[in-house]
Amino acid sequence: MITYADLIEWAEAQKRQKFTWLEDHGPRSKRPRPEAEAENKLRDIAMLDAVITICNATAAAWARGGQA
């Protein structure tokens, strides 16, 4: 079974990959890619942040004895 900790770990790894891509190919890099690609990476990072927030909130609710 996939746990909330597993999802958070996966999301954090995905964020690191997106930030690395932005450093290597973002608008201020030596090898910039089209702006739309960078925008997509930033949108992905925001969505991953939401996943992490939801997982943390749900795990905290379960830890308090409630249901998510």
PDB file of N, CA and C in Angstrom:
ATOM      1  N   MET A   1       0.841  -1.188   0.000  1.00  0.00           N
ATOM      2  CA  MET A   1       0.000   0.000   0.000  1.00  0.00           C
ATOM      3  C   MET A   1       0.886   1.252   0.000  1.00  0.00           C
ATOM      4  N   ILE A   2       0.466   2.231  -0.704  1.00  0.00           N
ATOM      5  CA  ILE A   2       1.187   3.500  -0.754  1.00  0.00           C
ATOM      6  C   ILE A   2       0.742   4.360   0.423  1.00  0.00           C
ATOM      7  N   THR A   3       1.694   4.828   1.203  1.00  0.00           N
ATOM      8  CA  THR A   3       1.379   5.654   2.367  1.00  0.00           C
ATOM      9  C   THR A   3       1.476   7.136   2.006  1.00  0.00           C
ATOM     10  N   TYR A   4       0.970   7.970   2.912  1.00  0.00           N
ATOM     11  CA  TYR A   4       1.086   9.412   2.700  1.00  0.00           C
ATOM     12  C   TYR A   4       2.552   9.829   2.671  1.00  0.00           C
ATOM     13  N   ALA A   5       3.359   9.188   3.501  1.00  0.00           N
ATOM     14  CA  ALA A   5       4.802   9.495   3.508  1.00  0.00           C
ATOM     15  C   ALA A   5       5.421   9.149   2.155  1.00  0.00           C
ATOM     16  N   ASP A   6       4.990   8.033   1.555  1.00  0.00           N
ATOM     17  CA  ASP A   6       5.480   7.658   0.224  1.00  0.00           C
ATOM     18  C   ASP A   6       5.101   8.710  -0.810  1.00  0.00           C
ATOM     19  N   LEU A   7       3.849   9.173  -0.748  1.00  0.00           N
ATOM     20  CA  LEU A   7       3.394  10.195  -1.697  1.00  0.00           C
ATOM     21  C   LEU A   7       4.168  11.493  -1.527  1.00  0.00           C
ATOM     22  N   ILE A   8       4.405  11.876  -0.285  1.00  0.00           N
ATOM     23  CA  ILE A   8       5.159  13.103  -0.019  1.00  0.00           C
ATOM     24  C   ILE A   8       6.586  12.966  -0.528  1.00  0.00           C
ATOM     25  N   GLU A   9       7.204  11.830  -0.268  1.00  0.00           N
ATOM     26  CA  GLU A   9       8.572  11.594  -0.744  1.00  0.00           C
ATOM     27  C   GLU A   9       8.635  11.659  -2.271  1.00  0.00           C
ATOM     28  N   TRP A  10       7.666  11.037  -2.927  1.00  0.00           N
ATOM     29  CA  TRP A  10       7.604  11.060  -4.395  1.00  0.00           C
ATOM     30  C   TRP A  10       7.421  12.498  -4.905  1.00  0.00           C
ATOM     31  N   ALA A  11       6.495  13.234  -4.287  1.00  0.00           N
ATOM     32  CA  ALA A  11       6.220  14.608  -4.730  1.00  0.00           C
ATOM     33  C   ALA A  11       7.448  15.493  -4.540  1.00  0.00           C
ATOM     34  N   GLU A  12       8.149  15.334  -3.425  1.00  0.00           N
ATOM     35  CA  GLU A  12       9.363  16.116  -3.188  1.00  0.00           C
ATOM     36  C   GLU A  12      10.424  15.795  -4.237  1.00  0.00           C
ATOM     37  N   ALA A  13      10.562  14.517  -4.589  1.00  0.00           N
ATOM     38  CA  ALA A  13      11.529  14.132  -5.624  1.00  0.00           C
ATOM     39  C   ALA A  13      11.150  14.738  -6.970  1.00  0.00           C
ATOM     40  N   GLN A  14       9.861  14.725  -7.285  1.00  0.00           N
ATOM     41  CA  GLN A  14       9.399  15.325  -8.535  1.00  0.00           C
ATOM     42  C   GLN A  14       9.683  16.824  -8.557  1.00  0.00           C
ATOM     43  N   LYS A  15       9.456  17.495  -7.428  1.00  0.00           N
ATOM     44  CA  LYS A  15       9.748  18.929  -7.341  1.00  0.00           C
ATOM     45  C   LYS A  15      11.228  19.198  -7.579  1.00  0.00           C
ATOM     46  N   ARG A  16      12.096  18.363  -6.965  1.00  0.00           N
ATOM     47  CA  ARG A  16      13.538  18.551  -7.169  1.00  0.00           C
ATOM     48  C   ARG A  16      13.882  18.423  -8.648  1.00  0.00           C
ATOM     49  N   GLN A  17      13.282  17.463  -9.333  1.00  0.00           N
ATOM     50  CA  GLN A  17      13.534  17.295 -10.769  1.00  0.00           C
ATOM     51  C   GLN A  17      13.081  18.521 -11.552  1.00  0.00           C
ATOM     52  N   LYS A  18      11.913  19.061 -11.208  1.00  0.00           N
ATOM     53  CA  LYS A  18      11.394  20.239 -11.911  1.00  0.00           C
ATOM     54  C   LYS A  18      12.300  21.451 -11.670  1.00  0.00           C
ATOM     55  N   PHE A  19      12.738  21.642 -10.417  1.00  0.00           N
ATOM     56  CA  PHE A  19      13.626  22.775 -10.124  1.00  0.00           C
ATOM     57  C   PHE A  19      14.965  22.624 -10.846  1.00  0.00           C
ATOM     58  N   THR A  20      15.476  21.410 -10.916  1.00  0.00           N
ATOM     59  CA  THR A  20      16.728  21.178 -11.647  1.00  0.00           C
ATOM     60  C   THR A  20      16.541  21.516 -13.113  1.00  0.00           C
ATOM     61  N   TRP A  21      15.424  21.086 -13.686  1.00  0.00           N
ATOM     62  CA  TRP A  21      15.146  21.395 -15.090  1.00  0.00           C
ATOM     63  C   TRP A  21      15.095  22.906 -15.282  1.00  0.00           C
ATOM     64  N   LEU A  22      14.407  23.608 -14.387  1.00  0.00           N
ATOM     65  CA  LEU A  22      14.308  25.063 -14.506  1.00  0.00           C
ATOM     66  C   LEU A  22      15.679  25.727 -14.408  1.00  0.00           C
ATOM     67  N   GLU A  23      16.538  25.223 -13.528  1.00  0.00           N
ATOM     68  CA  GLU A  23      17.887  25.775 -13.427  1.00  0.00           C
ATOM     69  C   GLU A  23      18.662  25.553 -14.724  1.00  0.00           C
ATOM     70  N   ASP A  24      18.483  24.384 -15.314  1.00  0.00           N
ATOM     71  CA  ASP A  24      19.228  24.033 -16.525  1.00  0.00           C
ATOM     72  C   ASP A  24      18.633  24.631 -17.800  1.00  0.00           C
ATOM     73  N   HIS A  25      17.313  24.785 -17.840  1.00  0.00           N
ATOM     74  CA  HIS A  25      16.654  25.170 -19.090  1.00  0.00           C
ATOM     75  C   HIS A  25      15.644  26.301 -18.948  1.00  0.00           C
ATOM     76  N   GLY A  26      15.538  26.890 -17.768  1.00  0.00           N
ATOM     77  CA  GLY A  26      14.575  27.963 -17.540  1.00  0.00           C
ATOM     78  C   GLY A  26      14.966  29.244 -18.250  1.00  0.00           C
ATOM     79  N   PRO A  27      14.163  30.279 -18.098  1.00  0.00           N
ATOM     80  CA  PRO A  27      14.370  31.542 -18.821  1.00  0.00           C
ATOM     81  C   PRO A  27      15.730  32.198 -18.582  1.00  0.00           C
ATOM     82  N   ARG A  28      16.313  32.009 -17.392  1.00  0.00           N
ATOM     83  CA  ARG A  28      17.591  32.660 -17.079  1.00  0.00           C
ATOM     84  C   ARG A  28      18.785  31.716 -17.226  1.00  0.00           C
ATOM     85  N   SER A  29      18.583  30.583 -17.865  1.00  0.00           N
ATOM     86  CA  SER A  29      19.681  29.625 -18.015  1.00  0.00           C
ATOM     87  C   SER A  29      20.464  29.903 -19.293  1.00  0.00           C
ATOM     88  N   LYS A  30      21.568  29.195 -19.434  1.00  0.00           N
ATOM     89  CA  LYS A  30      22.378  29.331 -20.648  1.00  0.00           C
ATOM     90  C   LYS A  30      21.722  28.644 -21.841  1.00  0.00           C
ATOM     91  N   ARG A  31      20.864  27.657 -21.572  1.00  0.00           N
ATOM     92  CA  ARG A  31      20.172  26.911 -22.633  1.00  0.00           C
ATOM     93  C   ARG A  31      18.662  26.978 -22.431  1.00  0.00           C
ATOM     94  N   PRO A  32      18.065  28.157 -22.543  1.00  0.00           N
ATOM     95  CA  PRO A  32      16.629  28.274 -22.268  1.00  0.00           C
ATOM     96  C   PRO A  32      15.778  27.508 -23.278  1.00  0.00           C
ATOM     97  N   ARG A  33      14.685  26.995 -22.789  1.00  0.00           N
ATOM     98  CA  ARG A  33      13.686  26.325 -23.614  1.00  0.00           C
ATOM     99  C   ARG A  33      12.499  27.278 -23.793  1.00  0.00           C
ATOM    100  N   PRO A  34      11.538  26.912 -24.619  1.00  0.00           N
ATOM    101  CA  PRO A  34      10.373  27.788 -24.793  1.00  0.00           C
ATOM    102  C   PRO A  34       9.697  28.107 -23.454  1.00  0.00           C
ATOM    103  N   GLU A  35       9.171  29.308 -23.369  1.00  0.00           N
ATOM    104  CA  GLU A  35       8.575  29.797 -22.125  1.00  0.00           C
ATOM    105  C   GLU A  35       7.444  28.903 -21.634  1.00  0.00           C
ATOM    106  N   ALA A  36       6.689  28.336 -22.550  1.00  0.00           N
ATOM    107  CA  ALA A  36       5.565  27.483 -22.158  1.00  0.00           C
ATOM    108  C   ALA A  36       6.046  26.262 -21.368  1.00  0.00           C
ATOM    109  N   GLU A  37       7.191  25.741 -21.712  1.00  0.00           N
ATOM    110  CA  GLU A  37       7.725  24.583 -20.980  1.00  0.00           C
ATOM    111  C   GLU A  37       8.047  24.961 -19.538  1.00  0.00           C
ATOM    112  N   ALA A  38       8.640  26.123 -19.341  1.00  0.00           N
ATOM    113  CA  ALA A  38       8.952  26.577 -17.983  1.00  0.00           C
ATOM    114  C   ALA A  38       7.665  26.828 -17.200  1.00  0.00           C
ATOM    115  N   GLU A  39       6.670  27.403 -17.853  1.00  0.00           N
ATOM    116  CA  GLU A  39       5.383  27.641 -17.193  1.00  0.00           C
ATOM    117  C   GLU A  39       4.751  26.324 -16.755  1.00  0.00           C
ATOM    118  N   ASN A  40       4.853  25.306 -17.601  1.00  0.00           N
ATOM    119  CA  ASN A  40       4.315  23.990 -17.247  1.00  0.00           C
ATOM    120  C   ASN A  40       5.030  23.414 -16.036  1.00  0.00           C
ATOM    121  N   LYS A  41       6.347  23.580 -15.972  1.00  0.00           N
ATOM    122  CA  LYS A  41       7.107  23.080 -14.819  1.00  0.00           C
ATOM    123  C   LYS A  41       6.686  23.808 -13.548  1.00  0.00           C
ATOM    124  N   LEU A  42       6.486  25.117 -13.631  1.00  0.00           N
ATOM    125  CA  LEU A  42       6.051  25.886 -12.466  1.00  0.00           C
ATOM    126  C   LEU A  42       4.650  25.464 -12.025  1.00  0.00           C
ATOM    127  N   ARG A  43       3.774  25.192 -12.987  1.00  0.00           N
ATOM    128  CA  ARG A  43       2.432  24.700 -12.664  1.00  0.00           C
ATOM    129  C   ARG A  43       2.516  23.322 -11.990  1.00  0.00           C
ATOM    130  N   ASP A  44       3.387  22.467 -12.514  1.00  0.00           N
ATOM    131  CA  ASP A  44       3.576  21.145 -11.913  1.00  0.00           C
ATOM    132  C   ASP A  44       4.059  21.260 -10.469  1.00  0.00           C
ATOM    133  N   ILE A  45       4.988  22.188 -10.222  1.00  0.00           N
ATOM    134  CA  ILE A  45       5.498  22.393  -8.865  1.00  0.00           C
ATOM    135  C   ILE A  45       4.366  22.829  -7.938  1.00  0.00           C
ATOM    136  N   ALA A  46       3.512  23.731  -8.405  1.00  0.00           N
ATOM    137  CA  ALA A  46       2.380  24.179  -7.589  1.00  0.00           C
ATOM    138  C   ALA A  46       1.435  23.017  -7.290  1.00  0.00           C
ATOM    139  N   MET A  47       1.201  22.157  -8.266  1.00  0.00           N
ATOM    140  CA  MET A  47       0.327  21.010  -8.057  1.00  0.00           C
ATOM    141  C   MET A  47       0.965  20.020  -7.079  1.00  0.00           C
ATOM    142  N   LEU A  48       2.268  19.819  -7.180  1.00  0.00           N
ATOM    143  CA  LEU A  48       2.959  18.928  -6.246  1.00  0.00           C
ATOM    144  C   LEU A  48       2.916  19.488  -4.831  1.00  0.00           C
ATOM    145  N   ASP A  49       3.029  20.809  -4.704  1.00  0.00           N
ATOM    146  CA  ASP A  49       2.891  21.436  -3.386  1.00  0.00           C
ATOM    147  C   ASP A  49       1.507  21.154  -2.807  1.00  0.00           C
ATOM    148  N   ALA A  50       0.484  21.187  -3.655  1.00  0.00           N
ATOM    149  CA  ALA A  50      -0.877  20.895  -3.206  1.00  0.00           C
ATOM    150  C   ALA A  50      -0.998  19.442  -2.752  1.00  0.00           C
ATOM    151  N   VAL A  51      -0.385  18.528  -3.477  1.00  0.00           N
ATOM    152  CA  VAL A  51      -0.398  17.114  -3.087  1.00  0.00           C
ATOM    153  C   VAL A  51       0.246  16.949  -1.711  1.00  0.00           C
ATOM    154  N   ILE A  52       1.374  17.602  -1.513  1.00  0.00           N
ATOM    155  CA  ILE A  52       2.076  17.503  -0.232  1.00  0.00           C
ATOM    156  C   ILE A  52       1.212  18.063   0.894  1.00  0.00           C
ATOM    157  N   THR A  53       0.580  19.188   0.665  1.00  0.00           N
ATOM    158  CA  THR A  53      -0.289  19.806   1.672  1.00  0.00           C
ATOM    159  C   THR A  53      -1.457  18.897   2.023  1.00  0.00           C
ATOM    160  N   ILE A  54      -2.085  18.334   1.010  1.00  0.00           N
ATOM    161  CA  ILE A  54      -3.216  17.434   1.242  1.00  0.00           C
ATOM    162  C   ILE A  54      -2.774  16.194   2.018  1.00  0.00           C
ATOM    163  N   CYS A  55      -1.652  15.624   1.637  1.00  0.00           N
ATOM    164  CA  CYS A  55      -1.148  14.431   2.330  1.00  0.00           C
ATOM    165  C   CYS A  55      -0.815  14.742   3.784  1.00  0.00           C
ATOM    166  N   ASN A  56      -0.172  15.877   4.025  1.00  0.00           N
ATOM    167  CA  ASN A  56       0.167  16.254   5.403  1.00  0.00           C
ATOM    168  C   ASN A  56      -1.090  16.473   6.231  1.00  0.00           C
ATOM    169  N   ALA A  57      -2.099  17.140   5.674  1.00  0.00           N
ATOM    170  CA  ALA A  57      -3.343  17.403   6.397  1.00  0.00           C
ATOM    171  C   ALA A  57      -4.094  16.103   6.677  1.00  0.00           C
ATOM    172  N   THR A  58      -4.141  15.225   5.697  1.00  0.00           N
ATOM    173  CA  THR A  58      -4.844  13.955   5.883  1.00  0.00           C
ATOM    174  C   THR A  58      -4.128  13.087   6.914  1.00  0.00           C
ATOM    175  N   ALA A  59      -2.820  13.024   6.835  1.00  0.00           N
ATOM    176  CA  ALA A  59      -2.054  12.234   7.804  1.00  0.00           C
ATOM    177  C   ALA A  59      -2.240  12.796   9.215  1.00  0.00           C
ATOM    178  N   ALA A  60      -2.266  14.114   9.349  1.00  0.00           N
ATOM    179  CA  ALA A  60      -2.459  14.737  10.659  1.00  0.00           C
ATOM    180  C   ALA A  60      -3.852  14.419  11.198  1.00  0.00           C
ATOM    181  N   ALA A  61      -4.861  14.440  10.340  1.00  0.00           N
ATOM    182  CA  ALA A  61      -6.228  14.119  10.756  1.00  0.00           C
ATOM    183  C   ALA A  61      -6.301  12.672  11.250  1.00  0.00           C
ATOM    184  N   TRP A  62      -5.676  11.777  10.529  1.00  0.00           N
ATOM    185  CA  TRP A  62      -5.652  10.373  10.947  1.00  0.00           C
ATOM    186  C   TRP A  62      -4.906  10.205  12.267  1.00  0.00           C
ATOM    187  N   ALA A  63      -3.837  10.951  12.447  1.00  0.00           N
ATOM    188  CA  ALA A  63      -3.039  10.849  13.671  1.00  0.00           C
ATOM    189  C   ALA A  63      -3.847  11.350  14.892  1.00  0.00           C
ATOM    190  N   ARG A  64      -4.746  12.295  14.662  1.00  0.00           N
ATOM    191  CA  ARG A  64      -5.601  12.803  15.745  1.00  0.00           C
ATOM    192  C   ARG A  64      -6.744  11.847  16.044  1.00  0.00           C
ATOM    193  N   GLY A  65      -6.869  10.793  15.250  1.00  0.00           N
ATOM    194  CA  GLY A  65      -7.926   9.822  15.489  1.00  0.00           C
ATOM    195  C   GLY A  65      -9.170  10.064  14.666  1.00  0.00           C
ATOM    196  N   GLY A  66      -9.132  11.088  13.856  1.00  0.00           N
ATOM    197  CA  GLY A  66     -10.277  11.382  13.000  1.00  0.00           C
ATOM    198  C   GLY A  66     -10.124  10.705  11.664  1.00  0.00           C
ATOM    199  N   GLN A  67     -11.084  10.945  10.840  1.00  0.00           N
ATOM    200  CA  GLN A  67     -11.014  10.424   9.487  1.00  0.00           C
ATOM    201  C   GLN A  67     -10.844  11.586   8.527  1.00  0.00           C
ATOM    202  N   ALA A  68     -10.181  11.319   7.443  1.00  0.00           N
ATOM    203  CA  ALA A  68      -9.926  12.360   6.452  1.00  0.00           C
ATOM    204  C   ALA A  68     -11.088  12.466   5.495  1.00  0.00           C
TER     205      ALA A  68
END
